[in-house]
N, C-alpha and C. Protein backbone atom coordinates (compact mmCIF):
# COMPACT_ATOMS: atom_id res chain seq x y z
N MET A 1 -52.67 -20.08 -16.28
CA MET A 1 -53.71 -20.20 -15.04
C MET A 1 -54.59 -20.25 -15.75
N HIS A 2 -55.88 -19.74 -15.85
CA HIS A 2 -57.66 -19.75 -15.58
C HIS A 2 -57.69 -18.27 -15.80
N SER A 3 -58.04 -17.75 -17.56
CA SER A 3 -58.67 -16.53 -17.44
C SER A 3 -59.70 -16.03 -15.95
N ARG A 4 -60.61 -17.29 -16.04
CA ARG A 4 -61.54 -16.67 -14.91
C ARG A 4 -60.95 -15.95 -13.45
N ALA A 5 -59.68 -17.03 -13.90
CA ALA A 5 -59.28 -15.98 -11.68
C ALA A 5 -58.67 -15.20 -11.88
N PHE A 6 -57.96 -14.25 -13.33
CA PHE A 6 -58.02 -12.85 -13.27
C PHE A 6 -58.86 -11.51 -14.26
N LYS A 7 -58.91 -10.55 -13.94
CA LYS A 7 -60.17 -9.56 -14.66
C LYS A 7 -58.64 -8.62 -14.89
N ALA A 8 -58.96 -8.09 -15.93
CA ALA A 8 -57.92 -7.65 -17.02
C ALA A 8 -58.75 -5.81 -17.36
N ILE A 9 -57.86 -4.57 -16.94
CA ILE A 9 -58.53 -3.94 -17.47
C ILE A 9 -58.12 -3.33 -18.72
N SER A 10 -59.24 -2.93 -19.53
CA SER A 10 -58.20 -2.64 -21.10
C SER A 10 -57.72 -1.65 -20.69
N PHE A 11 -56.45 -1.72 -21.99
CA PHE A 11 -55.18 -0.07 -22.20
C PHE A 11 -55.77 1.13 -22.28
N ALA A 12 -56.97 0.82 -23.41
CA ALA A 12 -57.48 2.20 -23.33
C ALA A 12 -58.40 2.89 -21.26
N ALA A 13 -58.35 2.05 -21.20
CA ALA A 13 -59.76 2.74 -19.39
C ALA A 13 -58.16 2.62 -18.46
N ILE A 14 -57.27 2.20 -18.47
CA ILE A 14 -56.39 2.67 -17.47
C ILE A 14 -55.83 3.67 -17.80
N LEU A 15 -55.38 4.21 -19.12
CA LEU A 15 -54.77 5.00 -19.69
C LEU A 15 -56.04 6.67 -19.15
N SER A 16 -56.90 5.85 -19.99
CA SER A 16 -58.06 7.38 -19.26
C SER A 16 -58.21 7.09 -17.68
N VAL A 17 -58.04 6.79 -16.92
CA VAL A 17 -58.89 6.63 -15.83
C VAL A 17 -57.31 6.42 -14.72
N LEU A 18 -56.48 5.35 -14.89
CA LEU A 18 -55.72 5.73 -13.86
C LEU A 18 -54.48 6.80 -14.52
N THR A 19 -53.91 7.07 -15.40
CA THR A 19 -52.48 7.26 -15.38
C THR A 19 -52.24 8.56 -15.87
N GLY A 20 -53.40 9.11 -16.55
CA GLY A 20 -53.00 10.78 -16.60
C GLY A 20 -51.43 11.28 -17.59
N ALA A 21 -51.26 10.02 -17.95
CA ALA A 21 -49.57 10.32 -18.75
C ALA A 21 -49.88 10.96 -19.72
N ALA A 22 -49.11 11.93 -20.47
CA ALA A 22 -49.33 12.91 -21.29
C ALA A 22 -49.15 11.62 -22.78
N ALA A 23 -50.19 11.65 -23.63
CA ALA A 23 -49.43 10.87 -25.24
C ALA A 23 -49.22 11.66 -26.21
N THR A 24 -48.51 10.82 -27.18
CA THR A 24 -47.78 11.50 -28.50
C THR A 24 -48.85 11.68 -29.24
N ALA A 25 -48.35 12.53 -30.23
CA ALA A 25 -49.62 13.29 -31.35
C ALA A 25 -50.18 12.11 -31.64
N THR A 26 -49.71 11.21 -31.45
CA THR A 26 -49.87 9.55 -33.26
C THR A 26 -50.84 8.92 -31.81
N GLY A 27 -51.15 9.18 -30.92
CA GLY A 27 -52.00 8.31 -29.63
C GLY A 27 -51.51 7.40 -28.63
N GLN A 28 -49.48 6.94 -29.14
CA GLN A 28 -49.23 5.99 -28.53
C GLN A 28 -48.84 7.03 -27.11
N GLU A 29 -49.03 6.14 -25.60
CA GLU A 29 -48.10 6.79 -24.69
C GLU A 29 -46.72 6.68 -24.74
N GLU A 30 -46.51 8.25 -24.41
CA GLU A 30 -45.04 8.09 -24.24
C GLU A 30 -44.36 7.28 -23.18
N PRO A 31 -43.25 6.79 -23.34
CA PRO A 31 -42.18 5.73 -22.33
C PRO A 31 -42.15 6.86 -20.60
N LEU A 32 -42.31 6.04 -19.90
CA LEU A 32 -41.85 6.38 -18.32
C LEU A 32 -40.33 6.60 -17.89
N ALA A 33 -40.20 7.75 -17.16
CA ALA A 33 -38.87 8.06 -16.68
C ALA A 33 -39.04 6.75 -15.25
N VAL A 34 -37.21 5.87 -15.88
CA VAL A 34 -37.35 4.91 -14.62
C VAL A 34 -35.68 5.81 -14.32
N PRO A 35 -35.27 4.78 -12.80
CA PRO A 35 -33.62 5.46 -13.04
C PRO A 35 -32.71 4.83 -14.08
N SER A 36 -33.09 3.89 -14.39
CA SER A 36 -32.19 3.47 -15.25
C SER A 36 -31.71 3.98 -16.91
N GLY A 37 -32.89 5.12 -16.78
CA GLY A 37 -32.85 5.67 -18.20
C GLY A 37 -33.24 4.78 -19.64
N GLN A 38 -33.90 3.57 -18.94
CA GLN A 38 -34.48 2.57 -20.03
C GLN A 38 -36.06 3.19 -20.80
N PRO A 39 -36.42 3.19 -22.12
CA PRO A 39 -37.38 3.87 -21.91
C PRO A 39 -38.63 2.33 -21.43
N VAL A 40 -39.82 2.41 -20.59
CA VAL A 40 -41.00 1.94 -20.39
C VAL A 40 -42.28 1.82 -20.14
N GLU A 41 -43.14 1.42 -21.24
CA GLU A 41 -44.67 1.55 -21.53
C GLU A 41 -45.23 0.15 -20.28
N PHE A 42 -46.03 1.45 -20.10
CA PHE A 42 -47.19 0.51 -19.43
C PHE A 42 -48.34 -0.50 -19.89
N VAL A 43 -48.35 -1.32 -19.63
CA VAL A 43 -49.35 -1.67 -21.02
C VAL A 43 -50.50 -2.75 -20.31
N GLU A 44 -50.41 -3.38 -19.12
CA GLU A 44 -51.89 -3.07 -18.15
C GLU A 44 -51.77 -3.83 -16.89
N MET A 45 -53.14 -3.26 -16.42
CA MET A 45 -53.11 -3.86 -14.85
C MET A 45 -54.45 -4.98 -14.22
N LEU A 46 -53.58 -6.29 -14.27
CA LEU A 46 -54.15 -6.90 -13.97
C LEU A 46 -54.73 -7.38 -12.65
N TRP A 47 -55.81 -7.92 -11.29
CA TRP A 47 -56.12 -8.52 -10.04
C TRP A 47 -56.51 -9.70 -10.42
N ASP A 48 -56.10 -9.81 -9.00
CA ASP A 48 -56.91 -11.55 -8.85
C ASP A 48 -56.75 -11.38 -7.10
N ARG A 49 -57.29 -12.72 -6.34
CA ARG A 49 -58.02 -12.71 -5.22
C ARG A 49 -57.12 -14.23 -5.44
N PRO A 50 -56.52 -14.85 -4.88
CA PRO A 50 -56.05 -15.93 -4.16
C PRO A 50 -56.11 -16.16 -3.15
N GLY A 51 -56.03 -17.27 -2.47
CA GLY A 51 -56.46 -17.49 -1.24
C GLY A 51 -55.49 -16.21 -0.66
N GLY A 52 -54.90 -15.48 -0.58
CA GLY A 52 -53.85 -15.14 0.09
C GLY A 52 -54.42 -13.43 -0.26
N GLY A 53 -55.05 -13.31 -0.53
CA GLY A 53 -55.70 -11.95 -0.59
C GLY A 53 -55.64 -10.72 -2.40
N LEU A 54 -55.32 -9.99 -2.01
CA LEU A 54 -55.35 -8.92 -3.16
C LEU A 54 -54.24 -8.78 -4.40
N VAL A 55 -54.23 -8.96 -4.94
CA VAL A 55 -52.98 -8.18 -5.98
C VAL A 55 -53.47 -8.10 -6.94
N TYR A 56 -52.26 -7.21 -7.16
CA TYR A 56 -52.48 -5.82 -8.89
C TYR A 56 -51.02 -6.69 -8.77
N ARG A 57 -51.10 -6.65 -10.97
CA ARG A 57 -50.02 -6.48 -11.76
C ARG A 57 -49.84 -5.56 -12.03
N PHE A 58 -49.16 -4.96 -12.61
CA PHE A 58 -48.70 -4.01 -13.53
C PHE A 58 -47.59 -4.55 -14.53
N ARG A 59 -47.64 -4.61 -15.63
CA ARG A 59 -47.11 -5.03 -17.09
C ARG A 59 -46.41 -3.97 -17.32
N PHE A 60 -45.47 -3.76 -17.61
CA PHE A 60 -44.44 -3.04 -18.56
C PHE A 60 -44.03 -3.81 -19.79
N LEU A 61 -43.86 -3.07 -20.71
CA LEU A 61 -42.67 -3.19 -21.93
C LEU A 61 -41.58 -2.29 -21.55
N ALA A 62 -40.21 -3.31 -21.59
CA ALA A 62 -38.78 -2.50 -21.56
C ALA A 62 -38.55 -3.19 -22.31
N PRO A 63 -38.51 -3.25 -23.71
CA PRO A 63 -37.50 -3.45 -24.81
C PRO A 63 -35.93 -3.63 -24.29
N GLN A 64 -35.41 -2.58 -23.89
CA GLN A 64 -33.98 -2.78 -24.19
C GLN A 64 -33.27 -4.46 -22.65
N ILE A 65 -34.62 -4.40 -21.96
CA ILE A 65 -34.22 -5.18 -21.24
C ILE A 65 -32.95 -6.58 -22.20
N SER A 66 -33.64 -6.92 -23.32
CA SER A 66 -33.03 -7.88 -24.19
C SER A 66 -31.80 -7.01 -24.48
N ALA A 67 -31.37 -6.56 -24.41
CA ALA A 67 -30.31 -5.73 -25.31
C ALA A 67 -29.01 -5.08 -23.90
N GLY A 68 -29.35 -5.83 -23.43
CA GLY A 68 -28.42 -5.25 -22.05
C GLY A 68 -28.04 -4.75 -21.33
N MET A 69 -29.67 -4.27 -20.91
CA MET A 69 -30.09 -3.66 -19.87
C MET A 69 -30.57 -4.72 -18.41
N GLY A 70 -29.32 -4.92 -17.82
CA GLY A 70 -28.95 -6.46 -16.72
C GLY A 70 -29.87 -5.95 -15.87
N PHE A 71 -31.14 -7.39 -15.11
CA PHE A 71 -31.95 -7.51 -13.97
C PHE A 71 -31.75 -6.51 -13.26
N GLU A 72 -30.28 -6.20 -12.73
CA GLU A 72 -30.03 -5.39 -11.28
C GLU A 72 -31.05 -4.38 -11.67
N GLN A 73 -30.18 -3.55 -12.91
CA GLN A 73 -30.49 -2.16 -13.04
C GLN A 73 -32.90 -2.27 -13.19
N SER A 74 -32.24 -3.33 -13.21
CA SER A 74 -34.48 -3.28 -14.40
C SER A 74 -34.55 -3.66 -12.51
N ALA A 75 -34.21 -3.87 -11.53
CA ALA A 75 -35.33 -4.24 -10.22
C ALA A 75 -35.04 -3.09 -9.76
N ALA A 76 -34.11 -1.92 -9.92
CA ALA A 76 -34.62 -0.51 -9.20
C ALA A 76 -35.44 0.02 -10.23
N ASP A 77 -35.39 -0.67 -11.49
CA ASP A 77 -36.98 0.58 -12.11
C ASP A 77 -38.08 -0.54 -11.48
N MET A 78 -38.01 -0.99 -11.35
CA MET A 78 -39.80 -2.11 -10.76
C MET A 78 -39.91 -1.76 -9.82
N GLU A 79 -38.86 -1.46 -8.08
CA GLU A 79 -39.12 -0.67 -7.40
C GLU A 79 -40.32 0.28 -7.45
N TYR A 80 -39.05 1.24 -8.32
CA TYR A 80 -39.41 2.53 -8.62
C TYR A 80 -41.15 2.15 -9.04
N LEU A 81 -41.09 1.79 -10.27
CA LEU A 81 -42.55 1.57 -10.88
C LEU A 81 -43.43 0.98 -10.04
N CYS A 82 -43.49 0.75 -8.68
CA CYS A 82 -44.35 -0.15 -7.54
C CYS A 82 -44.47 1.11 -6.78
N ARG A 83 -43.59 1.95 -6.69
CA ARG A 83 -43.28 3.07 -5.11
C ARG A 83 -44.63 3.97 -6.79
N GLU A 84 -43.52 4.95 -6.83
CA GLU A 84 -44.29 6.36 -7.90
C GLU A 84 -45.09 5.64 -9.09
N PHE A 85 -45.60 4.46 -9.59
CA PHE A 85 -46.55 4.11 -10.65
C PHE A 85 -47.87 3.25 -10.38
N ALA A 86 -47.57 2.75 -9.44
CA ALA A 86 -48.49 1.27 -8.66
C ALA A 86 -49.50 2.15 -7.75
N LEU A 87 -48.27 2.70 -6.56
CA LEU A 87 -49.21 3.21 -5.58
C LEU A 87 -49.94 4.21 -5.30
N PRO A 88 -49.86 5.31 -6.35
CA PRO A 88 -50.84 5.89 -6.42
C PRO A 88 -52.17 5.17 -7.20
N ARG A 89 -52.35 4.72 -7.82
CA ARG A 89 -52.89 4.07 -8.47
C ARG A 89 -54.08 3.33 -8.19
N VAL A 90 -53.11 2.34 -7.41
CA VAL A 90 -54.38 1.43 -6.43
C VAL A 90 -55.04 2.47 -5.33
N ALA A 91 -54.22 3.37 -5.16
CA ALA A 91 -54.89 3.80 -3.77
C ALA A 91 -56.32 4.53 -4.19
N ASN A 92 -56.54 4.68 -5.79
CA ASN A 92 -58.10 5.36 -5.94
C ASN A 92 -58.72 3.76 -6.00
N THR A 93 -58.15 2.34 -6.56
CA THR A 93 -59.38 1.75 -6.52
C THR A 93 -59.84 0.90 -6.05
N GLY A 94 -60.19 1.16 -4.90
CA GLY A 94 -61.06 0.34 -3.88
C GLY A 94 -60.16 0.12 -2.60
N PRO A 95 -60.23 -1.62 -2.72
CA PRO A 95 -60.11 -2.41 -1.37
C PRO A 95 -57.66 -2.38 -2.29
N GLN A 96 -57.66 -2.17 -1.09
CA GLN A 96 -56.03 -2.12 -1.11
C GLN A 96 -54.92 -3.08 -1.18
N PRO A 97 -54.19 -3.74 -2.22
CA PRO A 97 -54.01 -5.06 -2.53
C PRO A 97 -52.97 -5.40 -0.85
N ARG A 98 -53.04 -6.94 -0.89
CA ARG A 98 -52.07 -7.50 -0.22
C ARG A 98 -50.60 -7.27 -0.75
N GLN A 99 -50.66 -7.58 -2.25
CA GLN A 99 -48.75 -7.76 -2.99
C GLN A 99 -49.66 -6.97 -4.38
N ILE A 100 -48.30 -6.46 -4.80
CA ILE A 100 -48.64 -5.78 -6.57
C ILE A 100 -47.42 -6.31 -6.70
N ILE A 101 -47.19 -6.97 -8.14
CA ILE A 101 -46.16 -7.47 -8.49
C ILE A 101 -45.77 -6.01 -9.85
N ILE A 102 -45.03 -6.16 -10.58
CA ILE A 102 -44.24 -5.49 -11.29
C ILE A 102 -43.37 -6.59 -12.28
N SER A 103 -44.05 -5.91 -13.67
CA SER A 103 -42.85 -7.03 -14.47
C SER A 103 -42.06 -6.20 -15.56
N LEU A 104 -41.74 -6.85 -16.45
CA LEU A 104 -41.14 -6.00 -17.50
C LEU A 104 -40.45 -7.41 -18.64
N ALA A 105 -40.87 -7.24 -19.97
CA ALA A 105 -40.79 -8.14 -20.84
C ALA A 105 -40.91 -7.51 -21.79
N ASP A 106 -39.26 -7.56 -22.67
CA ASP A 106 -38.88 -7.47 -23.85
C ASP A 106 -39.82 -6.83 -25.15
N ARG A 107 -40.37 -7.68 -25.62
CA ARG A 107 -41.60 -7.09 -26.60
C ARG A 107 -43.29 -8.17 -25.29
N PRO A 108 -44.07 -7.36 -26.49
CA PRO A 108 -45.72 -8.02 -25.67
C PRO A 108 -45.80 -9.35 -26.18
N VAL A 109 -46.59 -10.00 -24.73
CA VAL A 109 -46.61 -11.26 -24.19
C VAL A 109 -47.67 -11.29 -23.26
N GLU A 110 -48.38 -12.17 -23.98
CA GLU A 110 -50.02 -12.27 -23.22
C GLU A 110 -49.85 -13.00 -21.83
N PHE A 111 -50.84 -12.62 -20.94
CA PHE A 111 -50.67 -13.29 -20.00
C PHE A 111 -50.79 -14.47 -19.72
N GLY A 112 -49.92 -15.41 -19.09
CA GLY A 112 -50.64 -16.87 -18.62
C GLY A 112 -49.81 -17.43 -20.36
N VAL A 113 -48.69 -16.53 -20.76
CA VAL A 113 -48.80 -17.93 -22.58
C VAL A 113 -46.96 -17.26 -21.96
N THR A 114 -46.46 -18.51 -22.74
CA THR A 114 -45.08 -18.72 -22.45
C THR A 114 -44.50 -18.42 -23.62
N ASP A 115 -43.13 -17.61 -23.62
CA ASP A 115 -43.28 -17.69 -24.94
C ASP A 115 -41.34 -17.19 -24.68
N ALA A 116 -41.01 -18.37 -25.18
CA ALA A 116 -39.01 -18.61 -25.08
C ALA A 116 -38.34 -17.75 -25.22
N ASP A 117 -38.70 -17.21 -26.29
CA ASP A 117 -37.62 -15.65 -27.03
C ASP A 117 -37.82 -14.40 -26.78
N ALA A 118 -38.97 -14.46 -25.85
CA ALA A 118 -39.11 -13.24 -24.74
C ALA A 118 -38.30 -12.95 -23.17
N VAL A 119 -37.75 -11.49 -22.91
CA VAL A 119 -36.96 -11.72 -21.84
C VAL A 119 -37.91 -11.12 -20.54
N GLN A 120 -38.55 -11.76 -19.43
CA GLN A 120 -39.00 -10.82 -18.27
C GLN A 120 -38.36 -11.14 -17.31
N TYR A 121 -38.99 -9.94 -16.91
CA TYR A 121 -38.78 -9.86 -14.95
C TYR A 121 -39.98 -9.46 -14.40
N PHE A 122 -40.36 -9.98 -12.83
CA PHE A 122 -41.28 -10.06 -12.02
C PHE A 122 -40.16 -9.72 -10.81
N GLU A 123 -41.17 -8.92 -9.92
CA GLU A 123 -40.51 -8.55 -8.86
C GLU A 123 -42.14 -8.31 -8.00
N ALA A 124 -42.11 -8.52 -6.45
CA ALA A 124 -43.63 -8.57 -5.61
C ALA A 124 -42.75 -8.18 -4.39
N TYR A 125 -44.00 -7.04 -3.94
CA TYR A 125 -43.58 -6.06 -3.03
C TYR A 125 -45.15 -6.31 -2.19
N ARG A 126 -44.27 -6.39 -0.99
CA ARG A 126 -46.00 -6.41 0.25
C ARG A 126 -46.10 -4.56 -0.09
N VAL A 127 -47.23 -3.99 0.21
CA VAL A 127 -48.38 -2.70 -0.24
C VAL A 127 -48.35 -2.28 2.09
N GLU A 128 -47.44 -1.84 2.14
CA GLU A 128 -47.21 -1.70 3.89
C GLU A 128 -46.85 -0.65 4.15
N ASN A 129 -47.41 0.41 4.84
CA ASN A 129 -47.38 1.80 5.79
C ASN A 129 -46.80 2.74 4.30
N GLY A 130 -48.05 2.52 3.35
CA GLY A 130 -47.81 2.94 1.93
C GLY A 130 -46.61 2.98 1.05
N GLY A 131 -45.40 2.04 1.23
CA GLY A 131 -44.72 1.15 0.45
C GLY A 131 -44.53 0.15 -0.16
N CYS A 132 -43.33 0.16 -0.84
CA CYS A 132 -43.06 -1.06 -1.31
C CYS A 132 -42.73 -2.36 -1.09
N ILE A 133 -43.00 -3.23 0.07
CA ILE A 133 -41.97 -4.02 0.32
C ILE A 133 -41.29 -5.24 -0.54
N TRP A 134 -40.07 -5.16 -1.31
CA TRP A 134 -39.72 -6.53 -1.57
C TRP A 134 -40.40 -7.66 -0.94
N GLU A 135 -40.26 -8.39 -1.93
CA GLU A 135 -40.68 -9.70 -1.06
C GLU A 135 -40.55 -11.15 -2.32
N MET A 136 -39.49 -11.75 -1.59
CA MET A 136 -39.13 -12.73 -2.83
C MET A 136 -40.06 -13.57 -3.15
N PHE A 137 -40.19 -14.61 -4.65
CA PHE A 137 -41.01 -15.62 -4.61
C PHE A 137 -41.14 -16.57 -4.33
């Protein structure tokens, strides 16, 4: 994808404006609590306006997905992250999205760059009646 098609908000700006999450003494973000119990850290939010409307992408680091944490467990985490992390944050950002995409990666991967060694999971959700409705890609 072309970098012009997406806008990224810096990690620091997201943390200070949107998350309100506690940071450790070293300044690192504490892992988010998700149903599976795996450690998950927020990385960034991206957005674009493809022909179908506004899409927000929330990207998370989840190192355990490459060490036995299966897709089914991670799918429940992604739904939870959409509902409990993403929706409250987009409620205050302006125009409401048509879709929210949640992604988990076992290591940092630059958006739009292929990394054959990385394990990545993605799910898309339609925003409807204040909730996240799963959509097949």
